[in-house]
Amino acid sequence: MVRAEIIGRSKKLQETAPPLERLLGMSEALKQAGDEAQEIRHIPAWASNEIADQGLYRFALPQELGGEDVSTRDQIEIVEAASAIDGSVGWCVHINSEINSLLLRRMSMELVPDFYDDWRVLACAGVGPGLETARARPVEGGWRLWCQGSFASGCHNATWAMVHTRSEGVPLEGGGSSERAFLMPRGDWEIVDTWDTAGLRGSGSADVKVDGPFIPEKATLPKDLFGTCETFASPTLRNPMQAHYNKGAVALGIARGAINDLIELAMEKTPWGSGSLLADQPELQYRLGEAEATVRAAKAFMIDAQEVTERHLGPLPKDGGRARPDWEVTQRSFLSCVHAAQVSRHVVDTIHNTAGTTASRMESPLERRLRDSHQAAAHAAISWRQYRNLGSTYLGNEIPGLSAPRA
């Protein structure tokens, strides 16, 4: 399906070390990239290229496409480790590897070589409020599209953009709507610089604007990107929570980084008015123990929920497996992702408070962790509001778009 050189490059990387080890070997470079990203508000091109060259945008793809077929556990471990280095770097490792994988679920096999033959393929996704004014026009052989999509993380280094339509589809000129998502190579869209945030400042989550390019029919996808894949065996490609658990992993990684930062600070800081190191104070010790237990428990819950999902799905349906998980499995899996994000935010809040005024200084890594943890936990997929949505399903209600049966 892809060039032999792509398969060979992937195999050679896998022989050197697993993806987690390769990422950890880049730690110093990724720290530098995170610092630079705070200034320019996106991951610098040199760093994105190094991430790609280490296969860290492809690891969730099947081996047949030059990927590594990593399990959900491994995806969580990789994204958590990247986010512990820097939240914005971790966000881009998560979302760009994730979108490369999600697109495969619904992509026409005719488009696969055009897309995955590029070793540094990186797709961003324009979604959100900018699509309120979108419109599409069917033309011979395809479509023309006009829109501006928001939150396209990684767009400055992306080779493709995907516009994920509203739930009711993109309005058609003359009436009706097209229930599709659209894929466009880099030359067919432009970046609108709208990303000026405090948290995850370096993620480059700006808008992408499309002004009527021709999009061939093979470059469109059904709008349900979380649907099932019937071509490749990996149960990851049938897990409807892939985007959710990756975001939970970002939050866990930010909390892990904050714990590490507090330990380092505690070993060298003597608080003003105190005669002992911060490390010797019982309050610090209590909060550190509680934080460690909380993060580990949330991570264990999320990993266990995903592994249960993978075992539940099994092989492809044609080989006796399931196309989609039963609702009870999805319900638990979804809850674990929301919980990971929300408890991680609470942990970082507590750590920041425990560190004292030192953490409020702009040069403190804990100051960035605080901003990043709040931004990560605010994402709609893992927002605190999802606690209520999920809680209501235990009472027999439904979440729109998910198969939660009424009692």
Protein backbone atom coordinates (compact mmCIF):
# COMPACT_ATOMS: atom_id res chain seq x y z
CA MET A 1 0.00 0.00 0.00
CA VAL A 2 2.97 2.31 0.55
CA ARG A 3 6.46 2.44 -0.87
CA ALA A 4 8.94 -0.22 0.29
CA GLU A 5 11.21 2.56 1.54
CA ILE A 6 8.56 3.60 4.07
CA ILE A 7 8.23 0.05 5.42
CA GLY A 8 11.99 -0.36 5.55
CA ARG A 9 12.51 2.90 7.40
CA SER A 10 9.97 1.91 10.01
CA LYS A 11 11.49 -1.53 10.52
CA LYS A 12 14.95 -0.03 10.92
CA LEU A 13 13.67 2.36 13.59
CA GLN A 14 11.94 -0.45 15.46
CA GLU A 15 15.19 -2.41 15.52
CA THR A 16 16.97 0.47 17.25
CA ALA A 17 14.51 0.94 20.14
CA PRO A 18 10.78 1.04 20.98
CA PRO A 19 9.07 4.40 20.35
CA LEU A 20 9.01 5.33 24.05
CA GLU A 21 12.77 4.91 24.31
CA ARG A 22 13.30 6.89 21.14
CA LEU A 23 11.18 9.72 22.54
CA LEU A 24 13.03 9.75 25.87
CA GLY A 25 16.29 9.91 23.94
CA MET A 26 15.09 13.24 22.51
CA SER A 27 14.26 14.74 25.92
CA GLU A 28 16.70 17.63 25.82
CA ALA A 29 15.77 18.57 22.26
CA LEU A 30 12.06 18.43 23.14
CA LYS A 31 12.59 20.65 26.18
CA GLN A 32 14.29 23.17 23.91
CA ALA A 33 11.44 22.84 21.41
CA GLY A 34 8.90 23.46 24.19
CA ASP A 35 10.66 26.63 25.27
CA GLU A 36 10.88 27.91 21.70
CA ALA A 37 7.24 27.01 21.10
CA GLN A 38 6.17 29.31 23.95
CA GLU A 39 7.61 32.24 22.01
CA ILE A 40 6.41 31.40 18.49
CA ARG A 41 3.17 29.68 19.63
CA HIS A 42 3.76 26.49 17.68
CA ILE A 43 6.27 23.65 17.57
CA PRO A 44 9.32 24.77 15.55
CA ALA A 45 9.80 23.03 12.23
CA TRP A 46 13.13 21.49 13.20
CA ALA A 47 11.55 19.79 16.21
CA SER A 48 8.50 18.56 14.30
CA ASN A 49 10.81 17.06 11.69
CA GLU A 50 12.85 15.28 14.38
CA ILE A 51 9.67 13.93 15.97
CA ALA A 52 8.54 12.68 12.57
CA ASP A 53 11.94 11.21 11.75
CA GLN A 54 11.75 9.13 14.94
CA GLY A 55 8.41 7.72 13.76
CA LEU A 56 6.48 9.49 16.51
CA TYR A 57 3.66 10.60 14.22
CA ARG A 58 3.27 7.09 12.78
CA PHE A 59 3.45 4.71 15.73
CA ALA A 60 -0.33 4.13 15.89
CA LEU A 61 -0.48 3.10 12.21
CA PRO A 62 -0.45 -0.52 11.03
CA GLN A 63 2.88 -2.10 10.10
CA GLU A 64 1.67 -2.29 6.49
CA LEU A 65 1.75 1.51 6.32
CA GLY A 66 5.09 2.03 8.01
CA GLY A 67 3.65 2.21 11.50
CA GLU A 68 4.21 0.16 14.63
CA ASP A 69 0.71 -1.04 15.60
CA VAL A 70 1.31 0.05 19.18
CA SER A 71 -1.33 -0.86 21.73
CA THR A 72 -3.41 1.68 23.59
CA ARG A 73 -1.22 1.15 26.66
CA ASP A 74 1.87 2.05 24.66
CA GLN A 75 0.19 5.08 23.11
CA ILE A 76 -0.71 6.34 26.58
CA GLU A 77 2.84 5.75 27.85
CA ILE A 78 4.39 7.60 24.89
CA VAL A 79 2.04 10.58 25.06
CA GLU A 80 2.37 10.81 28.83
CA ALA A 81 6.17 10.84 28.59
CA ALA A 82 6.16 13.52 25.89
CA SER A 83 3.78 15.68 27.93
CA ALA A 84 5.90 15.31 31.06
CA ILE A 85 8.72 16.92 29.05
CA ASP A 86 6.48 19.74 27.79
CA GLY A 87 2.71 20.00 27.53
CA SER A 88 2.61 21.58 24.07
CA VAL A 89 5.08 19.06 22.65
CA GLY A 90 3.06 16.23 24.18
CA TRP A 91 -0.15 17.66 22.76
CA CYS A 92 1.29 17.68 19.24
CA VAL A 93 2.76 14.17 19.56
CA HIS A 94 -0.66 12.99 20.70
CA ILE A 95 -2.92 14.78 18.25
CA ASN A 96 -0.85 14.44 15.13
CA SER A 97 -0.17 10.72 15.61
CA GLU A 98 -3.82 10.29 16.57
CA ILE A 99 -5.27 12.09 13.53
CA ASN A 100 -2.95 10.16 11.20
CA SER A 101 -4.50 7.02 12.70
CA LEU A 102 -8.12 8.20 12.93
CA LEU A 103 -8.21 9.18 9.26
CA LEU A 104 -7.26 5.66 8.27
CA ARG A 105 -10.49 4.30 9.74
CA ARG A 106 -12.63 6.01 7.13
CA MET A 107 -10.19 6.77 4.32
CA SER A 108 -10.61 5.45 0.80
CA MET A 109 -7.88 2.90 0.10
CA GLU A 110 -7.37 4.79 -3.16
CA LEU A 111 -6.03 7.75 -1.17
CA VAL A 112 -3.80 5.75 1.18
CA PRO A 113 -0.60 5.84 -0.95
CA ASP A 114 -0.98 9.58 -1.66
CA PHE A 115 -1.25 10.25 2.05
CA TYR A 116 1.02 7.77 3.87
CA ASP A 117 3.85 7.60 1.30
CA ASP A 118 5.24 10.75 2.92
CA TRP A 119 7.32 9.72 5.96
CA ARG A 120 6.66 13.08 7.61
CA VAL A 121 2.91 13.03 6.96
CA LEU A 122 1.15 15.16 9.54
CA ALA A 123 -2.54 15.99 9.39
CA CYS A 124 -4.18 18.78 11.37
CA ALA A 125 -7.92 19.14 11.86
CA GLY A 126 -10.03 22.29 11.61
CA VAL A 127 -13.18 22.04 13.70
CA GLY A 128 -15.34 24.23 15.88
CA PRO A 129 -17.13 27.55 15.58
CA GLY A 130 -15.41 28.69 12.40
CA LEU A 131 -17.46 26.14 10.48
CA GLU A 132 -20.71 28.01 11.08
CA THR A 133 -20.20 29.84 7.78
CA ALA A 134 -18.90 26.84 5.82
CA ARG A 135 -20.36 25.92 2.45
CA ALA A 136 -19.59 23.26 -0.15
CA ARG A 137 -20.37 22.79 -3.82
CA PRO A 138 -20.41 19.43 -5.62
CA VAL A 139 -18.54 19.55 -8.92
CA GLU A 140 -17.50 16.94 -11.45
CA GLY A 141 -15.22 14.44 -9.76
CA GLY A 142 -15.36 16.03 -6.33
CA TRP A 143 -16.10 19.17 -4.35
CA ARG A 144 -15.22 22.77 -3.73
CA LEU A 145 -15.21 24.02 -0.13
CA TRP A 146 -15.19 27.38 1.63
CA CYS A 147 -14.73 27.48 5.40
CA GLN A 148 -12.52 28.38 8.34
CA GLY A 149 -11.97 25.65 10.92
CA SER A 150 -10.58 26.22 14.41
CA PHE A 151 -8.20 24.40 16.79
CA ALA A 152 -5.98 22.90 14.07
CA SER A 153 -3.16 21.85 16.40
CA GLY A 154 0.15 21.36 14.59
CA CYS A 155 -1.03 23.19 11.47
CA HIS A 156 2.27 25.08 11.00
CA ASN A 157 4.03 21.78 10.30
CA ALA A 158 1.12 19.90 8.75
CA THR A 159 1.24 18.39 5.28
CA TRP A 160 -2.56 17.93 5.14
CA ALA A 161 -5.59 19.54 6.75
CA MET A 162 -8.84 17.80 7.50
CA VAL A 163 -12.02 19.80 7.95
CA HIS A 164 -14.29 17.90 10.29
CA THR A 165 -17.81 19.09 9.58
CA ARG A 166 -20.53 20.05 12.01
CA SER A 167 -22.89 17.32 13.17
CA GLU A 168 -25.45 18.36 10.58
CA GLY A 169 -22.86 18.48 7.80
CA VAL A 170 -21.51 21.30 5.64
CA PRO A 171 -24.28 23.34 3.98
CA LEU A 172 -24.47 23.00 0.22
CA GLU A 173 -24.96 25.93 -2.08
CA GLY A 174 -28.61 25.83 -3.07
CA GLY A 175 -29.74 23.93 0.04
CA GLY A 176 -29.13 20.67 1.84
CA SER A 177 -25.86 19.54 3.40
CA SER A 178 -22.92 17.25 2.78
CA GLU A 179 -22.23 14.84 5.63
CA ARG A 180 -18.53 14.57 4.91
CA ALA A 181 -15.09 15.44 6.15
CA PHE A 182 -12.63 16.86 3.62
CA LEU A 183 -8.87 16.30 3.25
CA MET A 184 -6.62 18.83 1.52
CA PRO A 185 -2.85 18.95 0.93
CA ARG A 186 -0.84 21.88 2.27
CA GLY A 187 -1.10 24.07 -0.79
CA ASP A 188 -4.91 24.20 -0.62
CA TRP A 189 -5.37 25.96 2.74
CA GLU A 190 -3.88 28.79 4.76
CA ILE A 191 -3.27 29.42 8.44
CA VAL A 192 -5.15 32.19 10.23
CA ASP A 193 -3.23 33.18 13.35
CA THR A 194 -5.89 32.94 16.06
CA TRP A 195 -4.00 30.94 18.71
CA ASP A 196 -2.87 33.28 21.48
CA THR A 197 -3.50 31.40 24.71
CA ALA A 198 -1.85 30.86 28.05
CA GLY A 199 -2.24 27.08 28.31
CA LEU A 200 -0.72 24.78 25.66
CA ARG A 201 0.52 27.97 24.10
CA GLY A 202 3.02 26.18 21.91
CA SER A 203 0.58 23.75 20.29
CA GLY A 204 -0.07 25.97 17.26
CA SER A 205 -3.82 25.36 17.41
CA ALA A 206 -4.69 28.14 14.97
CA ASP A 207 -7.46 28.26 12.36
CA VAL A 208 -7.18 26.84 8.85
CA LYS A 209 -8.96 28.67 6.05
CA VAL A 210 -10.16 27.07 2.81
CA ASP A 211 -11.16 29.24 -0.14
CA GLY A 212 -12.72 27.00 -2.74
CA PRO A 213 -10.03 24.42 -3.64
CA PHE A 214 -10.98 21.37 -5.65
CA ILE A 215 -11.18 18.28 -3.46
CA PRO A 216 -11.41 14.97 -5.34
CA GLU A 217 -14.06 12.53 -4.17
CA LYS A 218 -11.40 10.10 -2.93
CA ALA A 219 -10.17 12.77 -0.49
CA THR A 220 -13.49 12.94 1.36
CA LEU A 221 -14.42 10.84 4.38
CA PRO A 222 -17.65 10.05 6.20
CA LYS A 223 -18.01 12.61 8.96
CA ASP A 224 -17.96 9.89 11.66
CA LEU A 225 -14.20 9.70 12.14
CA PHE A 226 -14.63 7.63 15.27
CA GLY A 227 -16.27 4.83 13.33
CA THR A 228 -14.83 1.39 12.88
CA CYS A 229 -12.10 0.20 10.52
CA GLU A 230 -12.76 -2.97 8.56
CA THR A 231 -9.39 -3.23 6.80
CA PHE A 232 -6.68 -3.40 9.47
CA ALA A 233 -6.82 -5.75 12.45
CA SER A 234 -5.64 -3.46 15.24
CA PRO A 235 -8.46 -2.99 17.79
CA THR A 236 -7.16 0.55 18.31
CA LEU A 237 -8.77 1.39 14.96
CA ARG A 238 -12.15 0.34 16.38
CA ASN A 239 -11.83 1.99 19.79
CA PRO A 240 -14.15 5.04 19.83
CA MET A 241 -12.14 6.57 22.69
CA GLN A 242 -8.78 6.90 20.92
CA ALA A 243 -8.93 10.70 20.85
CA HIS A 244 -10.14 10.75 24.45
CA TYR A 245 -7.51 8.52 26.04
CA ASN A 246 -4.72 10.35 24.25
CA LYS A 247 -5.93 13.64 25.69
CA GLY A 248 -6.17 12.01 29.10
CA ALA A 249 -2.56 10.91 28.64
CA VAL A 250 -1.48 14.49 27.93
CA ALA A 251 -3.08 15.61 31.20
CA LEU A 252 -1.43 12.76 33.11
CA GLY A 253 1.94 13.65 31.60
CA ILE A 254 1.63 17.28 32.63
CA ALA A 255 0.83 16.15 36.18
CA ARG A 256 3.78 13.74 36.12
CA GLY A 257 6.05 16.58 35.04
CA ALA A 258 4.70 18.76 37.85
CA ILE A 259 5.43 16.04 40.43
CA ASN A 260 8.99 15.76 39.12
CA ASP A 261 9.39 19.54 39.24
CA LEU A 262 8.15 19.70 42.84
CA ILE A 263 10.60 17.01 43.96
CA GLU A 264 13.48 18.89 42.36
CA LEU A 265 12.38 22.18 43.92
CA ALA A 266 11.80 20.63 47.36
CA MET A 267 15.38 19.38 47.52
CA GLU A 268 16.83 22.86 47.10
CA LYS A 269 14.27 25.39 48.41
CA THR A 270 14.10 26.66 51.97
CA PRO A 271 10.83 28.62 52.21
CA TRP A 272 11.08 32.17 53.53
CA GLY A 273 10.69 32.21 57.29
CA SER A 274 11.40 28.50 57.59
CA GLY A 275 14.50 26.86 58.95
CA SER A 276 14.24 23.69 56.90
CA LEU A 277 14.12 22.53 53.32
CA LEU A 278 10.74 22.25 51.67
CA ALA A 279 11.48 18.53 51.33
CA ASP A 280 11.58 18.15 55.12
CA GLN A 281 8.16 19.68 55.72
CA PRO A 282 5.37 17.21 56.54
CA GLU A 283 2.83 19.15 54.45
CA LEU A 284 4.96 18.72 51.33
CA GLN A 285 5.47 15.05 52.02
CA TYR A 286 1.74 14.48 52.48
CA ARG A 287 0.79 16.31 49.31
CA LEU A 288 3.50 14.59 47.30
CA GLY A 289 2.32 11.16 48.41
CA GLU A 290 -1.29 12.01 47.65
CA ALA A 291 -0.38 13.38 44.21
CA GLU A 292 1.64 10.31 43.31
CA ALA A 293 -1.15 7.94 44.33
CA THR A 294 -3.80 9.99 42.52
CA VAL A 295 -1.95 10.14 39.20
CA ARG A 296 -0.98 6.48 39.31
CA ALA A 297 -4.54 5.41 40.10
CA ALA A 298 -6.04 7.51 37.30
CA LYS A 299 -3.50 6.16 34.83
CA ALA A 300 -4.15 2.57 35.91
CA PHE A 301 -7.90 3.06 35.51
CA MET A 302 -7.51 4.49 32.02
CA ILE A 303 -5.06 1.84 30.83
CA ASP A 304 -7.15 -0.97 32.26
CA ALA A 305 -10.29 0.40 30.60
CA GLN A 306 -8.55 0.53 27.21
CA GLU A 307 -7.10 -2.96 27.55
CA VAL A 308 -10.55 -4.28 28.43
CA THR A 309 -11.83 -2.54 25.28
CA GLU A 310 -9.13 -4.09 23.11
CA ARG A 311 -9.79 -7.59 24.44
CA HIS A 312 -13.53 -7.04 24.04
CA LEU A 313 -13.15 -5.97 20.41
CA GLY A 314 -10.77 -8.79 19.50
CA PRO A 315 -9.95 -9.50 15.83
CA LEU A 316 -11.78 -8.05 12.87
CA PRO A 317 -15.50 -8.89 12.70
CA LYS A 318 -14.90 -11.18 9.71
CA ASP A 319 -12.61 -13.20 11.98
CA GLY A 320 -15.05 -13.34 14.88
CA GLY A 321 -14.40 -10.01 16.61
CA ARG A 322 -16.55 -6.91 17.12
CA ALA A 323 -16.87 -3.82 14.95
CA ARG A 324 -17.70 -1.65 17.97
CA PRO A 325 -17.57 -2.14 21.72
CA ASP A 326 -20.74 -2.67 23.69
CA TRP A 327 -21.98 0.44 25.49
CA GLU A 328 -20.98 -0.74 28.97
CA VAL A 329 -17.37 -1.05 27.76
CA THR A 330 -17.40 2.37 26.07
CA GLN A 331 -19.03 3.97 29.10
CA ARG A 332 -16.26 2.84 31.45
CA SER A 333 -13.56 3.70 28.93
CA PHE A 334 -14.94 7.21 28.41
CA LEU A 335 -15.23 7.83 32.15
CA SER A 336 -11.61 6.81 32.70
CA CYS A 337 -10.40 9.40 30.16
CA VAL A 338 -12.42 12.24 31.68
CA HIS A 339 -11.26 11.24 35.15
CA ALA A 340 -7.58 11.20 34.10
CA ALA A 341 -7.82 14.75 32.80
CA GLN A 342 -9.75 16.19 35.70
CA VAL A 343 -7.78 14.65 38.57
CA SER A 344 -4.54 15.63 36.82
CA ARG A 345 -5.68 19.25 36.84
CA HIS A 346 -6.43 19.02 40.56
CA VAL A 347 -3.02 17.48 41.22
CA VAL A 348 -1.20 20.26 39.37
CA ASP A 349 -3.23 22.88 41.24
CA THR A 350 -2.19 21.33 44.56
CA ILE A 351 1.46 21.02 43.55
CA HIS A 352 1.57 24.62 42.38
CA ASN A 353 0.09 25.74 45.70
CA THR A 354 2.53 23.58 47.67
CA ALA A 355 5.55 25.07 45.89
CA GLY A 356 4.63 28.59 47.07
CA THR A 357 5.34 31.82 45.25
CA THR A 358 8.30 30.25 43.45
CA ALA A 359 5.82 28.43 41.20
CA SER A 360 4.21 31.72 40.13
CA ARG A 361 7.36 33.10 38.54
CA MET A 362 7.47 32.90 34.77
CA GLU A 363 10.80 31.07 34.84
CA SER A 364 9.31 28.28 36.96
CA PRO A 365 8.33 25.13 35.05
CA LEU A 366 5.38 24.79 37.43
CA GLU A 367 3.90 28.02 36.13
CA ARG A 368 3.67 26.51 32.64
CA ARG A 369 2.41 23.19 34.00
CA LEU A 370 -0.46 25.02 35.71
CA ARG A 371 -1.54 26.75 32.51
CA ASP A 372 -1.15 23.63 30.41
CA SER A 373 -3.08 21.37 32.78
CA HIS A 374 -6.08 23.69 32.78
CA GLN A 375 -6.06 23.98 28.98
CA ALA A 376 -5.80 20.23 28.49
CA ALA A 377 -8.62 19.47 30.93
CA ALA A 378 -10.86 22.06 29.24
CA HIS A 379 -11.00 20.13 25.95
CA ALA A 380 -14.60 19.20 25.17
CA ALA A 381 -13.79 15.49 24.82
CA ILE A 382 -12.56 15.23 28.42
CA SER A 383 -14.16 18.30 30.01
CA TRP A 384 -15.56 18.17 33.54
CA ARG A 385 -18.98 18.50 31.88
CA GLN A 386 -18.58 14.94 30.65
CA TYR A 387 -18.86 13.73 34.24
CA ARG A 388 -22.47 14.89 34.18
CA ASN A 389 -23.12 13.45 30.72
CA LEU A 390 -21.72 10.09 31.76
CA GLY A 391 -23.36 10.19 35.16
CA SER A 392 -26.72 10.63 33.48
CA THR A 393 -26.20 7.43 31.47
CA TYR A 394 -26.20 5.40 34.68
CA LEU A 395 -29.76 6.67 35.05
CA GLY A 396 -30.74 5.47 31.58
CA ASN A 397 -30.12 8.65 29.55
CA GLU A 398 -28.17 8.92 26.32
CA ILE A 399 -25.14 10.91 25.17
CA PRO A 400 -25.83 12.17 21.62
CA GLY A 401 -23.70 10.30 19.12
CA LEU A 402 -22.87 7.45 21.51
CA SER A 403 -24.85 4.26 21.87
CA ALA A 404 -25.91 4.57 25.49
CA PRO A 405 -29.12 2.57 25.79
CA ARG A 406 -31.99 3.74 27.94
CA ALA A 407 -32.87 1.53 30.87
